[in-house]
């Protein structure tokens, strides 16, 4: 089980949103670079980063921070947030990111997703964010009348290398992930799936590891770390254990 500690960047700071709401955010004193250093020092190998400025603008706003993290700490980084062009993907791949997460742009334009997977083999992760099983896009402000599972079936053969499934109603709430829905996604998906949204305690990590589905690759942990509900010393012991 891979564990992806999370860093969400807004205005050069680490922040956490509740259910993706920019008006309901918590800012933390520590800088993204220092937070990444802390994860590295504790022995983590993977990192999940969201450029929230990028999500709002569609630009690679915090590319410099990503480059510094990759070059300094040699972490395997997946990065997302407003990636809407091949140029943005190339910038992140060029900076050393292991995976680039496509969300709204890929869901709205399946041809873009297909071509991205072809141009950047094994580099594209697909972020599927849902409310009540239905996809949401555009910073979770726009709810689509399409079931996540139906969309996945349409793009399953495109060559996506990782799927990140987030239950929006759980994200930032520490109400535990939606394991049941994630398992349904993992059963269908042609690529490994990462659990996202709502991790509240070390028990959620252990439950994820105990799921009887080899296609679940890992889990993202965010707010529970920042709020001190999960200690990094305790969390790192769960990697591949």
Protein backbone atom coordinates (compact mmCIF):
# COMPACT_ATOMS: atom_id res chain seq x y z
CA UNK A 1 0.00 0.00 0.00
CA UNK A 2 1.45 3.33 -1.09
CA UNK A 3 0.73 6.27 1.19
CA UNK A 4 0.55 9.70 -0.41
CA UNK A 5 0.81 12.53 2.11
CA UNK A 6 -0.86 15.58 0.56
CA UNK A 7 0.22 19.14 -0.03
CA UNK A 8 -2.36 21.58 -1.38
CA UNK A 9 -0.76 24.88 -2.42
CA UNK A 10 -2.56 28.24 -2.44
CA UNK A 11 -0.74 31.59 -2.45
CA UNK A 12 2.56 29.72 -1.76
CA UNK A 13 1.10 28.26 1.45
CA UNK A 14 -0.10 24.83 2.54
CA UNK A 15 -3.89 24.85 2.85
CA UNK A 16 -6.73 22.36 3.22
CA UNK A 17 -10.24 22.88 1.88
CA UNK A 18 -13.47 21.42 3.21
CA UNK A 19 -15.28 19.64 0.36
CA UNK A 20 -13.29 21.68 -2.15
CA UNK A 21 -14.73 25.00 -0.95
CA UNK A 22 -12.20 27.84 -1.39
CA UNK A 23 -14.20 29.91 1.11
CA UNK A 24 -13.82 27.18 3.72
CA UNK A 25 -10.08 26.72 3.90
CA UNK A 26 -7.49 26.35 6.63
CA UNK A 27 -4.04 27.84 6.11
CA UNK A 28 -1.03 26.29 7.80
CA UNK A 29 2.15 28.09 8.84
CA UNK A 30 4.53 25.60 7.25
CA UNK A 31 5.64 26.19 3.65
CA UNK A 32 5.10 23.52 0.95
CA UNK A 33 8.88 23.03 0.71
CA UNK A 34 9.26 22.53 4.46
CA UNK A 35 6.27 20.18 4.53
CA UNK A 36 7.78 18.09 1.73
CA UNK A 37 11.07 18.03 3.65
CA UNK A 38 9.24 16.75 6.71
CA UNK A 39 7.63 13.94 4.70
CA UNK A 40 11.01 12.99 3.22
CA UNK A 41 12.69 13.00 6.63
CA UNK A 42 10.05 10.61 7.96
CA UNK A 43 10.70 8.16 5.13
CA UNK A 44 7.79 8.73 2.75
CA UNK A 45 8.50 8.06 -0.92
CA UNK A 46 5.34 9.35 -2.60
CA UNK A 47 3.66 12.75 -2.50
CA UNK A 48 0.30 14.05 -3.73
CA UNK A 49 0.33 17.75 -4.65
CA UNK A 50 -2.55 19.93 -5.81
CA UNK A 51 -1.87 23.40 -7.18
CA UNK A 52 -5.06 25.17 -6.10
CA UNK A 53 -3.92 28.38 -7.80
CA UNK A 54 -3.61 26.34 -10.97
CA UNK A 55 -7.06 24.88 -10.47
CA UNK A 56 -8.46 28.42 -10.46
CA UNK A 57 -6.40 29.80 -13.36
CA UNK A 58 -5.57 26.84 -15.58
CA UNK A 59 -1.87 27.74 -15.40
CA UNK A 60 1.13 26.01 -13.80
CA UNK A 61 1.29 28.72 -11.14
CA UNK A 62 3.46 26.88 -8.62
CA UNK A 63 5.77 25.07 -11.03
CA UNK A 64 8.82 26.54 -9.28
CA UNK A 65 7.79 24.97 -5.97
CA UNK A 66 7.24 21.59 -7.64
CA UNK A 67 10.66 21.77 -9.29
CA UNK A 68 12.33 22.55 -5.96
CA UNK A 69 10.57 19.69 -4.18
CA UNK A 70 11.52 17.17 -6.87
CA UNK A 71 15.16 18.28 -7.13
CA UNK A 72 15.74 18.57 -3.37
CA UNK A 73 13.98 15.51 -2.00
CA UNK A 74 13.82 12.88 -4.76
CA UNK A 75 10.18 12.08 -4.00
CA UNK A 76 7.76 10.45 -6.44
CA UNK A 77 5.26 13.23 -7.00
CA UNK A 78 1.80 13.19 -8.53
CA UNK A 79 0.67 16.73 -9.33
CA UNK A 80 -2.70 18.10 -10.38
CA UNK A 81 -4.77 21.24 -10.37
CA UNK A 82 -5.99 22.93 -13.52
CA UNK A 83 -3.89 20.91 -15.99
CA UNK A 84 -5.67 21.66 -19.27
CA UNK A 85 -3.00 21.61 -21.99
CA UNK A 86 -0.25 19.37 -23.32
CA UNK A 87 2.15 22.22 -22.58
CA UNK A 88 1.28 22.10 -18.86
CA UNK A 89 1.70 18.33 -18.80
CA UNK A 90 5.11 18.69 -20.46
CA UNK A 91 6.20 21.30 -17.89
CA UNK A 92 5.36 18.98 -15.00
CA UNK A 93 6.87 15.90 -16.65
CA UNK A 94 9.96 17.98 -17.44
CA UNK A 95 10.19 19.06 -13.81
CA UNK A 96 10.44 15.41 -12.77
CA UNK A 97 6.88 14.64 -11.65
CA UNK A 98 6.10 10.93 -11.73
CA UNK A 99 2.42 11.43 -12.62
CA UNK A 100 0.37 14.37 -13.86
CA UNK A 101 -3.25 14.30 -12.73
CA UNK A 102 -5.90 15.28 -15.26
CA UNK A 103 -9.38 16.11 -14.03
CA UNK A 104 -11.97 18.46 -15.49
CA UNK A 105 -10.23 18.97 -18.85
CA UNK A 106 -9.99 15.22 -19.41
CA UNK A 107 -13.57 14.57 -18.35
CA UNK A 108 -14.96 17.32 -20.57
CA UNK A 109 -12.78 16.32 -23.52
CA UNK A 110 -12.13 12.59 -23.73
CA UNK A 111 -10.00 13.09 -26.86
CA UNK A 112 -7.63 15.26 -24.82
CA UNK A 113 -7.31 12.47 -22.27
CA UNK A 114 -6.72 9.84 -24.93
CA UNK A 115 -4.04 11.88 -26.69
CA UNK A 116 -2.36 12.79 -23.39
CA UNK A 117 -2.08 9.10 -22.49
CA UNK A 118 -0.54 8.43 -25.90
CA UNK A 119 1.93 11.35 -25.78
CA UNK A 120 2.94 10.84 -22.14
CA UNK A 121 2.92 7.09 -21.59
CA UNK A 122 2.71 5.96 -17.96
CA UNK A 123 2.62 9.59 -16.82
CA UNK A 124 -1.11 10.36 -16.80
CA UNK A 125 -3.26 9.87 -13.73
CA UNK A 126 -7.01 10.51 -13.94
CA UNK A 127 -8.74 12.24 -11.07
CA UNK A 128 -12.39 11.25 -10.78
CA UNK A 129 -14.26 13.34 -8.21
CA UNK A 130 -17.83 12.44 -7.38
CA UNK A 131 -20.86 13.42 -5.34
CA UNK A 132 -23.35 10.63 -4.80
CA UNK A 133 -21.68 8.62 -7.55
CA UNK A 134 -21.98 11.43 -10.14
CA UNK A 135 -18.96 13.25 -11.54
CA UNK A 136 -18.13 16.84 -10.59
CA UNK A 137 -15.76 19.14 -12.47
CA UNK A 138 -14.48 22.73 -12.49
CA UNK A 139 -13.29 22.84 -8.89
CA UNK A 140 -16.31 20.72 -7.91
CA UNK A 141 -18.66 23.57 -8.75
CA UNK A 142 -20.20 21.84 -11.76
CA UNK A 143 -22.03 18.55 -11.24
CA UNK A 144 -22.37 16.37 -14.32
CA UNK A 145 -25.31 14.15 -14.94
CA UNK A 146 -22.99 11.19 -15.50
CA UNK A 147 -22.21 8.31 -13.22
CA UNK A 148 -18.51 7.95 -12.46
CA UNK A 149 -18.61 4.26 -13.34
CA UNK A 150 -20.18 4.95 -16.75
CA UNK A 151 -17.47 7.49 -17.60
CA UNK A 152 -14.75 5.11 -16.47
CA UNK A 153 -16.05 2.42 -18.81
CA UNK A 154 -15.80 4.87 -21.73
CA UNK A 155 -12.14 5.74 -21.08
CA UNK A 156 -10.90 2.50 -19.55
CA UNK A 157 -8.79 1.53 -22.57
CA UNK A 158 -7.12 4.92 -23.08
CA UNK A 159 -3.96 4.02 -21.17
CA UNK A 160 -4.40 5.96 -17.93
CA UNK A 161 -1.70 4.78 -15.53
CA UNK A 162 -3.40 5.64 -12.22
CA UNK A 163 -6.90 6.52 -11.06
CA UNK A 164 -7.56 8.78 -8.07
CA UNK A 165 -11.12 8.50 -6.81
CA UNK A 166 -12.36 11.21 -4.45
CA UNK A 167 -15.72 11.31 -2.72
CA UNK A 168 -16.23 15.10 -2.52
CA UNK A 169 -18.63 14.87 0.40
CA UNK A 170 -15.85 13.24 2.44
CA UNK A 171 -12.92 15.39 1.34
CA UNK A 172 -11.44 17.49 4.14
CA UNK A 173 -14.09 16.27 6.57
CA UNK A 174 -12.16 13.45 8.23
CA UNK A 175 -15.34 11.37 7.99
CA UNK A 176 -13.48 8.30 6.60
CA UNK A 177 -13.17 7.52 2.87
CA UNK A 178 -15.93 5.99 0.79
CA UNK A 179 -14.35 2.55 0.66
CA UNK A 180 -17.42 0.88 -0.82
CA UNK A 181 -17.59 3.15 -3.87
CA UNK A 182 -13.81 3.08 -4.34
CA UNK A 183 -13.88 -0.72 -4.42
CA UNK A 184 -16.52 -0.62 -7.17
CA UNK A 185 -14.28 1.68 -9.20
CA UNK A 186 -11.23 -0.54 -8.59
CA UNK A 187 -13.10 -3.65 -9.74
CA UNK A 188 -13.77 -2.04 -13.13
CA UNK A 189 -10.62 0.03 -13.63
CA UNK A 190 -7.86 -1.19 -15.96
CA UNK A 191 -5.30 0.75 -13.90
CA UNK A 192 -4.44 0.95 -10.18
CA UNK A 193 -6.74 3.08 -8.01
CA UNK A 194 -5.82 5.46 -5.19
CA UNK A 195 -8.29 6.21 -2.39
CA UNK A 196 -8.86 9.91 -1.68
CA UNK A 197 -11.01 11.99 0.62
CA UNK A 198 -11.93 11.80 4.30
CA UNK A 199 -9.08 9.92 5.96
CA UNK A 200 -9.54 10.50 9.68
CA UNK A 201 -7.25 8.14 11.57
CA UNK A 202 -4.70 5.37 11.27
CA UNK A 203 -7.63 2.95 11.35
CA UNK A 204 -8.70 4.20 7.91
CA UNK A 205 -5.24 3.34 6.58
CA UNK A 206 -5.43 -0.14 8.06
CA UNK A 207 -8.91 -0.64 6.66
CA UNK A 208 -7.65 0.36 3.20
CA UNK A 209 -4.82 -2.15 3.48
CA UNK A 210 -7.30 -4.83 4.49
CA UNK A 211 -9.51 -4.40 1.43
CA UNK A 212 -9.61 -7.52 -0.67
CA UNK A 213 -8.77 -5.74 -3.90
CA UNK A 214 -5.26 -5.86 -5.34
CA UNK A 215 -6.10 -3.04 -7.76
CA UNK A 216 -6.16 -0.48 -4.94
CA UNK A 217 -2.65 0.97 -5.06
CA UNK A 218 -2.65 3.49 -2.25
CA UNK A 219 -4.33 6.18 -0.20
CA UNK A 220 -4.00 9.96 0.10
CA UNK A 221 -3.77 11.52 3.56
CA UNK A 222 -4.14 15.27 4.07
CA UNK A 223 -6.02 17.13 6.76
CA UNK A 224 -5.63 14.39 9.37
CA UNK A 225 -1.85 14.92 9.19
CA UNK A 226 -2.03 18.72 9.47
CA UNK A 227 -4.49 18.59 12.35
CA UNK A 228 -2.41 16.04 14.24
CA UNK A 229 -4.96 13.21 14.11
CA UNK A 230 -2.35 11.00 12.45
CA UNK A 231 1.30 11.13 13.48
CA UNK A 232 3.81 10.76 10.66
CA UNK A 233 5.91 8.27 12.66
CA UNK A 234 2.84 6.07 12.98
CA UNK A 235 1.73 6.54 9.37
CA UNK A 236 5.05 5.68 7.73
CA UNK A 237 5.03 2.26 9.42
CA UNK A 238 1.96 1.34 7.34
CA UNK A 239 3.82 1.65 4.01
CA UNK A 240 4.14 -1.77 2.39
CA UNK A 241 3.79 -3.35 5.82
